[in-house]
Amino acid sequence: MKKIAVLISGSGSNLEAIAEACRANRINGKIVCVISNNPDAYGIKRAQKFNLQSVVIDHNSFASRTEFENKIENSLDNYDVDLIVLAGFMRILGENITKKYFGKMINLHPSLLPKYPGLDTHKKVIQNGDAIHGISIHYVTPELDAGPIIAQGAINITHDDNIESIEKRIHMIEHQLLPEIINEICLENIYLDVNTVMYNDEMDVTDHILINYDE
């Protein structure tokens, strides 16, 4: 059973989806620690709900990003984690930490990468009149939101949509797809070979699959 660390900054709804999946044995792994850079994150309360070990590493308490990331590394190494999941973690991680855990660290991003890396993805979708939007799960590299893509989930956008309605629908597919991908990684059905995402031949997914949840 793989040991999972989840890094959060906010409400932790994806943390709860992962924890629920672990409790229901839908993930062949367990969350051994939750790390938040925000001491006021509601996700800490979600962690307590599931009796998960949580660590607050407030980036504001450190003189440099290097010191902050070194503290994160120490926690991850202390728990001897197999997989690190950035689930709403709102800090950009530097080259040293991303290279150290390359192939063991994944990120959930609310856009169909390579479109819209960074922030305000829902707003950009509306402003540009996009017909489709979604999420990407990818391995983390030093370049922001640019690592090898594992899987994507899409929704159709209509003229009636606004940021709130899009966010609600995006959360729904995040909560479904992220635990599924975590489980496949824990089962070693998905892994990284140099810079290429590899899939077990028996899996239903293929390289860089795009699932439209509205079809």
N, C-alpha and C. Protein backbone atom coordinates (compact mmCIF):
# COMPACT_ATOMS: atom_id res chain seq x y z
N MET A 1 0.85 -1.19 0.00
CA MET A 1 0.00 0.00 0.00
C MET A 1 0.89 1.24 0.00
N LYS A 2 0.65 2.13 -0.95
CA LYS A 2 1.49 3.31 -1.11
C LYS A 2 1.15 4.38 -0.07
N LYS A 3 2.18 5.11 0.31
CA LYS A 3 2.01 6.21 1.28
C LYS A 3 1.91 7.53 0.52
N ILE A 4 0.82 8.26 0.79
CA ILE A 4 0.48 9.46 0.02
C ILE A 4 0.56 10.69 0.92
N ALA A 5 1.16 11.75 0.38
CA ALA A 5 1.10 13.06 1.01
C ALA A 5 0.26 13.98 0.14
N VAL A 6 -0.60 14.76 0.76
CA VAL A 6 -1.44 15.70 0.03
C VAL A 6 -1.11 17.11 0.50
N LEU A 7 -0.77 17.99 -0.45
CA LEU A 7 -0.44 19.37 -0.14
C LEU A 7 -1.61 20.27 -0.53
N ILE A 8 -2.02 21.13 0.40
CA ILE A 8 -3.20 21.97 0.20
C ILE A 8 -2.89 23.40 0.62
N SER A 9 -3.79 24.30 0.19
CA SER A 9 -3.71 25.69 0.64
C SER A 9 -5.07 26.23 1.07
N GLY A 10 -6.15 25.56 0.66
CA GLY A 10 -7.48 26.13 0.87
C GLY A 10 -8.48 25.16 1.46
N SER A 11 -9.64 25.05 0.80
CA SER A 11 -10.76 24.32 1.39
C SER A 11 -10.53 22.82 1.51
N GLY A 12 -9.71 22.26 0.64
CA GLY A 12 -9.39 20.84 0.76
C GLY A 12 -10.48 19.90 0.29
N SER A 13 -11.32 20.34 -0.65
CA SER A 13 -12.38 19.44 -1.12
C SER A 13 -11.81 18.24 -1.85
N ASN A 14 -10.71 18.42 -2.57
CA ASN A 14 -10.08 17.28 -3.23
C ASN A 14 -9.39 16.37 -2.22
N LEU A 15 -8.83 16.94 -1.18
CA LEU A 15 -8.30 16.13 -0.09
C LEU A 15 -9.39 15.21 0.45
N GLU A 16 -10.57 15.76 0.67
CA GLU A 16 -11.66 14.94 1.21
C GLU A 16 -12.06 13.84 0.22
N ALA A 17 -12.08 14.17 -1.08
CA ALA A 17 -12.41 13.15 -2.08
C ALA A 17 -11.38 12.03 -2.07
N ILE A 18 -10.11 12.37 -1.92
CA ILE A 18 -9.05 11.36 -1.85
C ILE A 18 -9.20 10.53 -0.58
N ALA A 19 -9.44 11.20 0.54
CA ALA A 19 -9.58 10.50 1.82
C ALA A 19 -10.79 9.55 1.80
N GLU A 20 -11.89 10.00 1.22
CA GLU A 20 -13.07 9.14 1.10
C GLU A 20 -12.76 7.91 0.26
N ALA A 21 -12.03 8.11 -0.84
CA ALA A 21 -11.69 6.99 -1.71
C ALA A 21 -10.76 6.00 -1.00
N CYS A 22 -9.83 6.51 -0.19
CA CYS A 22 -8.95 5.63 0.58
C CYS A 22 -9.77 4.83 1.60
N ARG A 23 -10.69 5.49 2.27
CA ARG A 23 -11.50 4.81 3.28
C ARG A 23 -12.38 3.74 2.67
N ALA A 24 -12.81 3.97 1.42
CA ALA A 24 -13.67 3.01 0.72
C ALA A 24 -12.86 1.96 -0.04
N ASN A 25 -11.54 1.98 0.14
CA ASN A 25 -10.64 1.03 -0.54
C ASN A 25 -10.68 1.17 -2.05
N ARG A 26 -10.96 2.39 -2.52
CA ARG A 26 -10.90 2.66 -3.96
C ARG A 26 -9.53 3.19 -4.37
N ILE A 27 -8.67 3.37 -3.39
CA ILE A 27 -7.27 3.74 -3.64
C ILE A 27 -6.39 2.76 -2.89
N ASN A 28 -5.46 2.17 -3.59
CA ASN A 28 -4.54 1.22 -2.97
C ASN A 28 -3.40 1.99 -2.30
N GLY A 29 -3.79 2.80 -1.34
CA GLY A 29 -2.83 3.62 -0.65
C GLY A 29 -3.50 4.29 0.54
N LYS A 30 -2.70 5.02 1.31
CA LYS A 30 -3.24 5.75 2.45
C LYS A 30 -2.55 7.10 2.56
N ILE A 31 -3.30 8.08 3.04
CA ILE A 31 -2.73 9.41 3.25
C ILE A 31 -1.98 9.39 4.57
N VAL A 32 -0.68 9.59 4.51
CA VAL A 32 0.12 9.57 5.74
C VAL A 32 0.37 10.97 6.28
N CYS A 33 0.20 11.98 5.43
CA CYS A 33 0.32 13.35 5.94
C CYS A 33 -0.35 14.33 4.99
N VAL A 34 -0.85 15.39 5.59
CA VAL A 34 -1.41 16.53 4.86
C VAL A 34 -0.57 17.74 5.23
N ILE A 35 -0.07 18.42 4.22
CA ILE A 35 0.75 19.61 4.46
C ILE A 35 0.03 20.83 3.91
N SER A 36 -0.12 21.85 4.74
CA SER A 36 -0.74 23.10 4.32
C SER A 36 0.23 24.26 4.54
N ASN A 37 0.34 25.12 3.55
CA ASN A 37 1.13 26.33 3.73
C ASN A 37 0.31 27.45 4.36
N ASN A 38 -0.99 27.18 4.52
CA ASN A 38 -1.91 28.19 5.06
C ASN A 38 -2.46 27.70 6.40
N PRO A 39 -2.11 28.34 7.50
CA PRO A 39 -2.59 27.87 8.81
C PRO A 39 -4.09 27.96 8.98
N ASP A 40 -4.75 28.76 8.14
CA ASP A 40 -6.21 28.93 8.25
C ASP A 40 -6.97 28.11 7.22
N ALA A 41 -6.30 27.24 6.51
CA ALA A 41 -6.96 26.46 5.46
C ALA A 41 -8.03 25.55 6.06
N TYR A 42 -9.23 25.57 5.45
CA TYR A 42 -10.30 24.70 5.93
C TYR A 42 -9.94 23.23 5.73
N GLY A 43 -9.06 22.97 4.79
CA GLY A 43 -8.64 21.59 4.55
C GLY A 43 -8.02 20.94 5.78
N ILE A 44 -7.48 21.72 6.69
CA ILE A 44 -6.93 21.16 7.93
C ILE A 44 -8.04 20.52 8.75
N LYS A 45 -9.20 21.16 8.77
CA LYS A 45 -10.35 20.58 9.48
C LYS A 45 -10.82 19.31 8.78
N ARG A 46 -10.76 19.30 7.45
CA ARG A 46 -11.12 18.08 6.74
C ARG A 46 -10.15 16.95 7.10
N ALA A 47 -8.89 17.28 7.22
CA ALA A 47 -7.90 16.28 7.61
C ALA A 47 -8.21 15.71 9.00
N GLN A 48 -8.59 16.59 9.91
CA GLN A 48 -8.95 16.15 11.26
C GLN A 48 -10.17 15.24 11.24
N LYS A 49 -11.09 15.53 10.35
CA LYS A 49 -12.30 14.70 10.21
C LYS A 49 -11.96 13.25 9.90
N PHE A 50 -10.89 13.06 9.15
CA PHE A 50 -10.47 11.72 8.75
C PHE A 50 -9.29 11.21 9.61
N ASN A 51 -9.01 11.92 10.70
CA ASN A 51 -7.92 11.55 11.61
C ASN A 51 -6.59 11.44 10.88
N LEU A 52 -6.35 12.39 9.98
CA LEU A 52 -5.11 12.41 9.21
C LEU A 52 -4.09 13.32 9.89
N GLN A 53 -2.84 12.91 9.81
CA GLN A 53 -1.76 13.75 10.33
C GLN A 53 -1.63 14.98 9.44
N SER A 54 -1.64 16.15 10.05
CA SER A 54 -1.50 17.39 9.27
C SER A 54 -0.35 18.22 9.82
N VAL A 55 0.33 18.88 8.89
CA VAL A 55 1.48 19.72 9.23
C VAL A 55 1.27 21.07 8.57
N VAL A 56 1.37 22.13 9.34
CA VAL A 56 1.29 23.49 8.79
C VAL A 56 2.71 24.01 8.61
N ILE A 57 3.03 24.35 7.37
CA ILE A 57 4.32 24.95 7.06
C ILE A 57 4.02 26.28 6.37
N ASP A 58 3.88 27.29 7.17
CA ASP A 58 3.46 28.62 6.70
C ASP A 58 4.62 29.28 5.95
N HIS A 59 4.43 29.52 4.66
CA HIS A 59 5.51 30.12 3.87
C HIS A 59 5.89 31.51 4.36
N ASN A 60 4.95 32.17 5.05
CA ASN A 60 5.25 33.51 5.57
C ASN A 60 6.24 33.48 6.75
N SER A 61 6.49 32.30 7.29
CA SER A 61 7.38 32.17 8.45
C SER A 61 8.83 31.96 8.06
N PHE A 62 9.10 31.95 6.76
CA PHE A 62 10.46 31.65 6.30
C PHE A 62 11.04 32.84 5.55
N ALA A 63 12.34 33.01 5.68
CA ALA A 63 13.01 34.14 5.05
C ALA A 63 13.17 33.96 3.55
N SER A 64 13.11 32.71 3.09
CA SER A 64 13.30 32.45 1.66
C SER A 64 12.47 31.25 1.24
N ARG A 65 12.24 31.14 -0.07
CA ARG A 65 11.51 29.99 -0.60
C ARG A 65 12.31 28.71 -0.37
N THR A 66 13.63 28.82 -0.43
CA THR A 66 14.46 27.63 -0.22
C THR A 66 14.25 27.06 1.18
N GLU A 67 14.22 27.92 2.18
CA GLU A 67 14.00 27.45 3.55
C GLU A 67 12.61 26.82 3.69
N PHE A 68 11.63 27.45 3.08
CA PHE A 68 10.26 26.93 3.11
C PHE A 68 10.21 25.54 2.47
N GLU A 69 10.81 25.40 1.31
CA GLU A 69 10.76 24.12 0.61
C GLU A 69 11.60 23.06 1.30
N ASN A 70 12.69 23.47 1.94
CA ASN A 70 13.47 22.51 2.71
C ASN A 70 12.66 21.91 3.85
N LYS A 71 11.82 22.73 4.45
CA LYS A 71 10.95 22.23 5.53
C LYS A 71 9.92 21.24 4.98
N ILE A 72 9.38 21.55 3.81
CA ILE A 72 8.45 20.60 3.18
C ILE A 72 9.16 19.29 2.89
N GLU A 73 10.35 19.37 2.34
CA GLU A 73 11.13 18.16 2.04
C GLU A 73 11.36 17.33 3.29
N ASN A 74 11.69 17.99 4.39
CA ASN A 74 11.93 17.26 5.63
C ASN A 74 10.70 16.48 6.06
N SER A 75 9.54 17.11 5.94
CA SER A 75 8.30 16.43 6.33
C SER A 75 8.01 15.26 5.41
N LEU A 76 8.16 15.47 4.11
CA LEU A 76 7.91 14.39 3.15
C LEU A 76 8.86 13.22 3.39
N ASP A 77 10.10 13.52 3.65
CA ASP A 77 11.08 12.46 3.88
C ASP A 77 10.83 11.74 5.21
N ASN A 78 10.39 12.47 6.21
CA ASN A 78 10.08 11.85 7.50
C ASN A 78 8.95 10.84 7.38
N TYR A 79 8.00 11.12 6.50
CA TYR A 79 6.89 10.19 6.30
C TYR A 79 7.18 9.16 5.21
N ASP A 80 8.35 9.27 4.56
CA ASP A 80 8.78 8.30 3.55
C ASP A 80 7.69 8.07 2.51
N VAL A 81 7.22 9.14 1.91
CA VAL A 81 6.06 9.05 1.02
C VAL A 81 6.43 8.48 -0.35
N ASP A 82 5.45 7.82 -0.95
CA ASP A 82 5.61 7.26 -2.29
C ASP A 82 5.02 8.19 -3.36
N LEU A 83 4.02 8.96 -2.99
CA LEU A 83 3.32 9.83 -3.94
C LEU A 83 2.95 11.13 -3.25
N ILE A 84 3.21 12.23 -3.94
CA ILE A 84 2.88 13.57 -3.43
C ILE A 84 1.84 14.18 -4.36
N VAL A 85 0.71 14.59 -3.81
CA VAL A 85 -0.39 15.13 -4.60
C VAL A 85 -0.59 16.59 -4.24
N LEU A 86 -0.39 17.47 -5.22
CA LEU A 86 -0.69 18.89 -5.02
C LEU A 86 -2.16 19.10 -5.39
N ALA A 87 -2.98 19.31 -4.39
CA ALA A 87 -4.42 19.41 -4.59
C ALA A 87 -4.89 20.77 -4.08
N GLY A 88 -4.80 21.77 -4.95
CA GLY A 88 -5.12 23.12 -4.53
C GLY A 88 -4.01 23.72 -3.69
N PHE A 89 -2.78 23.36 -4.01
CA PHE A 89 -1.62 23.93 -3.31
C PHE A 89 -1.16 25.15 -4.10
N MET A 90 -1.28 26.32 -3.50
CA MET A 90 -1.15 27.58 -4.23
C MET A 90 0.22 28.23 -4.08
N ARG A 91 1.25 27.41 -4.02
CA ARG A 91 2.61 27.93 -4.04
C ARG A 91 3.37 27.28 -5.18
N ILE A 92 4.15 28.09 -5.89
CA ILE A 92 4.99 27.56 -6.96
C ILE A 92 6.24 26.95 -6.32
N LEU A 93 6.49 25.69 -6.63
CA LEU A 93 7.65 25.00 -6.06
C LEU A 93 8.85 25.14 -6.99
N GLY A 94 10.01 25.28 -6.38
CA GLY A 94 11.22 25.54 -7.14
C GLY A 94 11.87 24.30 -7.74
N GLU A 95 12.99 24.55 -8.38
CA GLU A 95 13.66 23.50 -9.15
C GLU A 95 14.19 22.37 -8.28
N ASN A 96 14.76 22.69 -7.13
CA ASN A 96 15.36 21.64 -6.29
C ASN A 96 14.33 20.61 -5.84
N ILE A 97 13.21 21.08 -5.31
CA ILE A 97 12.22 20.15 -4.77
C ILE A 97 11.49 19.40 -5.88
N THR A 98 11.21 20.08 -6.99
CA THR A 98 10.50 19.40 -8.08
C THR A 98 11.39 18.36 -8.76
N LYS A 99 12.68 18.64 -8.84
CA LYS A 99 13.59 17.64 -9.42
C LYS A 99 13.79 16.46 -8.47
N LYS A 100 13.85 16.76 -7.17
CA LYS A 100 14.05 15.69 -6.20
C LYS A 100 12.91 14.67 -6.25
N TYR A 101 11.69 15.15 -6.41
CA TYR A 101 10.53 14.26 -6.37
C TYR A 101 9.93 14.03 -7.76
N PHE A 102 10.71 14.28 -8.79
CA PHE A 102 10.21 14.10 -10.16
C PHE A 102 9.77 12.65 -10.35
N GLY A 103 8.55 12.48 -10.83
CA GLY A 103 7.98 11.16 -11.01
C GLY A 103 7.18 10.68 -9.82
N LYS A 104 7.28 11.42 -8.69
CA LYS A 104 6.53 11.07 -7.47
C LYS A 104 5.56 12.17 -7.08
N MET A 105 5.58 13.29 -7.80
CA MET A 105 4.75 14.44 -7.45
C MET A 105 3.83 14.78 -8.61
N ILE A 106 2.51 14.83 -8.33
CA ILE A 106 1.53 15.18 -9.35
C ILE A 106 0.74 16.40 -8.91
N ASN A 107 0.19 17.09 -9.90
CA ASN A 107 -0.58 18.30 -9.64
C ASN A 107 -1.93 18.23 -10.35
N LEU A 108 -2.93 18.78 -9.71
CA LEU A 108 -4.25 18.94 -10.30
C LEU A 108 -4.40 20.39 -10.72
N HIS A 109 -4.66 20.63 -12.01
CA HIS A 109 -4.78 22.00 -12.51
C HIS A 109 -6.12 22.18 -13.21
N PRO A 110 -6.84 23.29 -12.93
CA PRO A 110 -8.18 23.49 -13.50
C PRO A 110 -8.19 24.12 -14.88
N SER A 111 -7.56 23.45 -15.84
CA SER A 111 -7.69 23.83 -17.24
C SER A 111 -7.23 22.65 -18.08
N LEU A 112 -7.51 22.74 -19.36
CA LEU A 112 -7.03 21.72 -20.29
C LEU A 112 -5.66 22.16 -20.80
N LEU A 113 -4.65 21.85 -20.02
CA LEU A 113 -3.29 22.22 -20.39
C LEU A 113 -2.93 21.66 -21.76
N PRO A 114 -2.14 22.37 -22.54
CA PRO A 114 -1.32 23.54 -22.15
C PRO A 114 -2.06 24.87 -22.12
N LYS A 115 -3.39 24.85 -22.33
CA LYS A 115 -4.14 26.10 -22.23
C LYS A 115 -4.20 26.56 -20.77
N TYR A 116 -4.00 27.83 -20.57
CA TYR A 116 -4.23 28.51 -19.30
C TYR A 116 -3.47 27.93 -18.11
N PRO A 117 -2.15 27.91 -18.15
CA PRO A 117 -1.41 27.63 -16.92
C PRO A 117 -1.60 28.81 -15.96
N GLY A 118 -1.35 28.56 -14.69
CA GLY A 118 -1.47 29.64 -13.72
C GLY A 118 -2.87 29.82 -13.18
N LEU A 119 -3.20 31.05 -12.84
CA LEU A 119 -4.44 31.36 -12.12
C LEU A 119 -5.57 31.81 -13.04
N ASP A 120 -6.76 31.94 -12.44
CA ASP A 120 -7.95 32.53 -13.09
C ASP A 120 -8.36 31.80 -14.37
N THR A 121 -8.29 30.48 -14.35
CA THR A 121 -8.58 29.72 -15.57
C THR A 121 -10.05 29.83 -15.98
N HIS A 122 -10.96 29.78 -15.02
CA HIS A 122 -12.39 29.86 -15.36
C HIS A 122 -12.72 31.22 -15.99
N LYS A 123 -12.15 32.27 -15.44
CA LYS A 123 -12.36 33.61 -15.98
C LYS A 123 -11.85 33.71 -17.41
N LYS A 124 -10.71 33.13 -17.68
CA LYS A 124 -10.14 33.17 -19.02
C LYS A 124 -11.00 32.40 -20.01
N VAL A 125 -11.56 31.30 -19.58
CA VAL A 125 -12.44 30.50 -20.44
C VAL A 125 -13.65 31.32 -20.87
N ILE A 126 -14.26 32.03 -19.91
CA ILE A 126 -15.44 32.85 -20.21
C ILE A 126 -15.05 34.03 -21.11
N GLN A 127 -13.96 34.70 -20.78
CA GLN A 127 -13.53 35.86 -21.57
C GLN A 127 -13.24 35.48 -23.02
N ASN A 128 -12.70 34.30 -23.24
CA ASN A 128 -12.32 33.87 -24.58
C ASN A 128 -13.41 33.10 -25.31
N GLY A 129 -14.56 32.92 -24.65
CA GLY A 129 -15.67 32.24 -25.29
C GLY A 129 -15.39 30.79 -25.64
N ASP A 130 -14.61 30.09 -24.81
CA ASP A 130 -14.26 28.70 -25.09
C ASP A 130 -15.50 27.81 -24.99
N ALA A 131 -15.54 26.81 -25.84
CA ALA A 131 -16.65 25.86 -25.85
C ALA A 131 -16.39 24.67 -24.95
N ILE A 132 -15.14 24.48 -24.54
CA ILE A 132 -14.79 23.34 -23.71
C ILE A 132 -13.76 23.77 -22.67
N HIS A 133 -13.83 23.16 -21.52
CA HIS A 133 -12.96 23.51 -20.40
C HIS A 133 -12.76 22.23 -19.60
N GLY A 134 -11.85 22.25 -18.65
CA GLY A 134 -11.69 21.03 -17.88
C GLY A 134 -10.53 21.08 -16.91
N ILE A 135 -10.01 19.89 -16.59
CA ILE A 135 -8.93 19.75 -15.64
C ILE A 135 -7.81 18.91 -16.25
N SER A 136 -6.63 19.09 -15.71
CA SER A 136 -5.49 18.27 -16.11
C SER A 136 -4.79 17.76 -14.85
N ILE A 137 -4.39 16.50 -14.89
CA ILE A 137 -3.56 15.92 -13.85
C ILE A 137 -2.21 15.62 -14.50
N HIS A 138 -1.15 16.16 -13.93
CA HIS A 138 0.15 16.03 -14.58
C HIS A 138 1.26 15.87 -13.55
N TYR A 139 2.36 15.30 -14.01
CA TYR A 139 3.55 15.24 -13.17
C TYR A 139 4.15 16.63 -13.06
N VAL A 140 4.74 16.92 -11.91
CA VAL A 140 5.26 18.25 -11.64
C VAL A 140 6.72 18.35 -12.09
N THR A 141 7.02 19.44 -12.77
CA THR A 141 8.37 19.78 -13.19
C THR A 141 8.66 21.21 -12.74
N PRO A 142 9.90 21.67 -12.88
CA PRO A 142 10.20 23.05 -12.48
C PRO A 142 9.40 24.10 -13.24
N GLU A 143 8.99 23.80 -14.47
CA GLU A 143 8.20 24.75 -15.25
C GLU A 143 6.74 24.67 -14.84
N LEU A 144 6.14 25.82 -14.56
CA LEU A 144 4.79 25.88 -14.01
C LEU A 144 3.78 25.21 -14.94
N ASP A 145 3.03 24.23 -14.39
CA ASP A 145 1.92 23.57 -15.08
C ASP A 145 2.32 23.04 -16.45
N ALA A 146 3.55 22.56 -16.58
CA ALA A 146 4.05 22.14 -17.88
C ALA A 146 4.56 20.70 -17.89
N GLY A 147 4.37 19.97 -16.80
CA GLY A 147 4.87 18.60 -16.73
C GLY A 147 4.05 17.65 -17.58
N PRO A 148 4.54 16.43 -17.78
CA PRO A 148 3.83 15.43 -18.59
C PRO A 148 2.41 15.19 -18.09
N ILE A 149 1.46 15.26 -19.01
CA ILE A 149 0.05 15.13 -18.66
C ILE A 149 -0.32 13.66 -18.52
N ILE A 150 -1.00 13.34 -17.43
CA ILE A 150 -1.45 11.97 -17.15
C ILE A 150 -2.86 11.75 -17.67
N ALA A 151 -3.75 12.67 -17.36
CA ALA A 151 -5.16 12.53 -17.75
C ALA A 151 -5.83 13.88 -17.71
N GLN A 152 -6.91 14.01 -18.50
CA GLN A 152 -7.69 15.24 -18.52
C GLN A 152 -9.18 14.91 -18.53
N GLY A 153 -9.94 15.77 -17.89
CA GLY A 153 -11.39 15.65 -17.90
C GLY A 153 -12.00 16.95 -18.38
N ALA A 154 -12.99 16.85 -19.25
CA ALA A 154 -13.53 18.05 -19.90
C ALA A 154 -15.03 18.19 -19.66
N ILE A 155 -15.49 19.44 -19.74
CA ILE A 155 -16.91 19.76 -19.72
C ILE A 155 -17.18 20.74 -20.86
N ASN A 156 -18.41 20.74 -21.32
CA ASN A 156 -18.82 21.70 -22.34
C ASN A 156 -19.28 22.99 -21.67
N ILE A 157 -18.93 24.11 -22.27
CA ILE A 157 -19.31 25.42 -21.73
C ILE A 157 -20.42 26.01 -22.59
N THR A 158 -21.46 26.51 -21.93
CA THR A 158 -22.58 27.12 -22.64
C THR A 158 -22.64 28.61 -22.31
N HIS A 159 -23.49 29.33 -23.03
CA HIS A 159 -23.60 30.78 -22.80
C HIS A 159 -24.23 31.09 -21.45
N ASP A 160 -24.85 30.09 -20.82
CA ASP A 160 -25.46 30.30 -19.51
C ASP A 160 -24.46 30.16 -18.36
N ASP A 161 -23.28 29.64 -18.66
CA ASP A 161 -22.30 29.40 -17.60
C ASP A 161 -21.69 30.69 -17.09
N ASN A 162 -21.34 30.68 -15.81
CA ASN A 162 -20.56 31.76 -15.20
C ASN A 162 -19.46 31.11 -14.37
N ILE A 163 -18.65 31.91 -13.72
CA ILE A 163 -17.52 31.36 -12.96
C ILE A 163 -18.00 30.39 -11.89
N GLU A 164 -19.10 30.74 -11.22
CA GLU A 164 -19.59 29.88 -10.14
C GLU A 164 -20.07 28.53 -10.66
N SER A 165 -20.83 28.55 -11.75
CA SER A 165 -21.36 27.28 -12.28
C SER A 165 -20.23 26.42 -12.85
N ILE A 166 -19.26 27.06 -13.47
CA ILE A 166 -18.11 26.32 -14.01
C ILE A 166 -17.31 25.69 -12.87
N GLU A 167 -17.07 26.48 -11.83
CA GLU A 167 -16.29 25.97 -10.70
C GLU A 167 -16.97 24.76 -10.07
N LYS A 168 -18.27 24.80 -9.93
CA LYS A 168 -19.00 23.68 -9.34
C LYS A 168 -18.86 22.42 -10.19
N ARG A 169 -18.99 22.56 -11.49
CA ARG A 169 -18.89 21.40 -12.38
C ARG A 169 -17.46 20.89 -12.45
N ILE A 170 -16.50 21.81 -12.43
CA ILE A 170 -15.08 21.40 -12.45
C ILE A 170 -14.76 20.59 -11.20
N HIS A 171 -15.25 21.04 -10.05
CA HIS A 171 -15.01 20.30 -8.81
C HIS A 171 -15.56 18.88 -8.90
N MET A 172 -16.69 18.72 -9.54
CA MET A 172 -17.29 17.39 -9.66
C MET A 172 -16.38 16.43 -10.40
N ILE A 173 -15.77 16.88 -11.50
CA ILE A 173 -14.91 15.97 -12.23
C ILE A 173 -13.55 15.81 -11.54
N GLU A 174 -13.10 16.84 -10.85
CA GLU A 174 -11.88 16.69 -10.05
C GLU A 174 -12.04 15.59 -9.02
N HIS A 175 -13.17 15.62 -8.31
CA HIS A 175 -13.39 14.67 -7.22
C HIS A 175 -13.55 13.24 -7.73
N GLN A 176 -13.91 13.10 -8.98
CA GLN A 176 -14.04 11.77 -9.57
C GLN A 176 -12.71 11.29 -10.18
N LEU A 177 -12.10 12.13 -11.00
CA LEU A 177 -10.94 11.69 -11.78
C LEU A 177 -9.67 11.60 -10.93
N LEU A 178 -9.44 12.54 -10.04
CA LEU A 178 -8.19 12.54 -9.28
C LEU A 178 -8.02 11.27 -8.45
N PRO A 179 -9.02 10.83 -7.67
CA PRO A 179 -8.83 9.57 -6.94
C PRO A 179 -8.59 8.37 -7.85
N GLU A 180 -9.24 8.36 -9.02
CA GLU A 180 -9.03 7.25 -9.95
C GLU A 180 -7.58 7.20 -10.43
N ILE A 181 -7.03 8.35 -10.77
CA ILE A 181 -5.66 8.40 -11.26
C ILE A 181 -4.68 8.07 -10.13
N ILE A 182 -4.94 8.58 -8.93
CA ILE A 182 -4.08 8.25 -7.79
C ILE A 182 -4.04 6.74 -7.58
N ASN A 183 -5.19 6.09 -7.67
CA ASN A 183 -5.23 4.64 -7.49
C ASN A 183 -4.40 3.93 -8.55
N GLU A 184 -4.52 4.36 -9.80
CA GLU A 184 -3.75 3.71 -10.87
C GLU A 184 -2.25 3.91 -10.67
N ILE A 185 -1.86 5.07 -10.16
CA ILE A 185 -0.44 5.29 -9.87
C ILE A 185 0.00 4.39 -8.72
N CYS A 186 -0.83 4.28 -7.68
CA CYS A 186 -0.50 3.42 -6.55
C CYS A 186 -0.39 1.96 -6.97
N LEU A 187 -1.18 1.56 -7.94
CA LEU A 187 -1.11 0.19 -8.46
C LEU A 187 0.02 0.01 -9.46
N GLU A 188 0.71 1.10 -9.74
CA GLU A 188 1.81 1.13 -10.72
C GLU A 188 1.33 0.82 -12.14
N ASN A 189 0.07 1.12 -12.39
CA ASN A 189 -0.47 1.04 -13.75
C ASN A 189 -0.13 2.30 -14.54
N ILE A 190 0.19 3.38 -13.84
CA ILE A 190 0.65 4.62 -14.45
C ILE A 190 1.98 4.98 -13.79
N TYR A 191 2.96 5.31 -14.60
CA TYR A 191 4.25 5.72 -14.06
C TYR A 191 4.96 6.56 -15.11
N LEU A 192 6.03 7.20 -14.67
CA LEU A 192 6.78 8.08 -15.56
C LEU A 192 8.09 7.39 -15.94
N ASP A 193 8.34 7.32 -17.24
CA ASP A 193 9.58 6.77 -17.77
C ASP A 193 10.31 7.90 -18.48
N VAL A 194 11.34 8.42 -17.82
CA VAL A 194 12.04 9.64 -18.26
C VAL A 194 11.01 10.78 -18.29
N ASN A 195 10.55 11.21 -19.45
CA ASN A 195 9.54 12.27 -19.53
C ASN A 195 8.24 11.79 -20.16
N THR A 196 8.07 10.49 -20.25
CA THR A 196 6.89 9.93 -20.91
C THR A 196 6.01 9.22 -19.89
N VAL A 197 4.72 9.53 -19.91
CA VAL A 197 3.77 8.85 -19.04
C VAL A 197 3.47 7.48 -19.64
N MET A 198 3.63 6.45 -18.84
CA MET A 198 3.41 5.08 -19.29
C MET A 198 2.15 4.52 -18.63
N TYR A 199 1.42 3.71 -19.40
CA TYR A 199 0.18 3.11 -18.92
C TYR A 199 0.25 1.60 -19.09
N ASN A 200 -0.25 0.88 -18.09
CA ASN A 200 -0.36 -0.57 -18.19
C ASN A 200 -1.25 -0.93 -19.37
N ASP A 201 -0.87 -1.95 -20.11
CA ASP A 201 -1.61 -2.33 -21.32
C ASP A 201 -3.05 -2.73 -21.01
N GLU A 202 -3.32 -3.14 -19.78
CA GLU A 202 -4.67 -3.59 -19.43
C GLU A 202 -5.59 -2.44 -19.04
N MET A 203 -5.05 -1.25 -18.94
CA MET A 203 -5.88 -0.10 -18.56
C MET A 203 -6.77 0.33 -19.72
N ASP A 204 -7.86 0.99 -19.37
CA ASP A 204 -8.79 1.51 -20.37
C ASP A 204 -8.34 2.87 -20.91
N VAL A 205 -7.42 3.52 -20.22
CA VAL A 205 -6.99 4.83 -20.66
C VAL A 205 -5.81 4.71 -21.61
N THR A 206 -5.61 5.71 -22.43
CA THR A 206 -4.47 5.76 -23.32
C THR A 206 -3.71 7.05 -23.07
N ASP A 207 -2.60 7.19 -23.74
CA ASP A 207 -1.73 8.33 -23.49
C ASP A 207 -2.46 9.65 -23.69
N HIS A 208 -2.38 10.52 -22.64
CA HIS A 208 -2.99 11.86 -22.68
C HIS A 208 -4.49 11.80 -22.98
N ILE A 209 -5.18 10.88 -22.36
CA ILE A 209 -6.60 10.72 -22.61
C ILE A 209 -7.37 11.97 -22.20
N LEU A 210 -8.39 12.28 -22.96
CA LEU A 210 -9.30 13.38 -22.64
C LEU A 210 -10.69 12.81 -22.51
N ILE A 211 -11.24 12.84 -21.30
CA ILE A 211 -12.58 12.32 -21.04
C ILE A 211 -13.54 13.50 -20.98
N ASN A 212 -14.58 13.49 -21.84
CA ASN A 212 -15.60 14.53 -21.76
C ASN A 212 -16.74 14.02 -20.90
N TYR A 213 -16.93 14.67 -19.75
CA TYR A 213 -17.92 14.22 -18.79
C TYR A 213 -19.33 14.65 -19.15
N ASP A 214 -19.47 15.39 -20.23
CA ASP A 214 -20.81 15.81 -20.69
C ASP A 214 -21.29 14.95 -21.85
N GLU A 215 -20.53 13.96 -22.24
CA GLU A 215 -20.94 13.11 -23.37
C GLU A 215 -21.32 11.72 -22.88
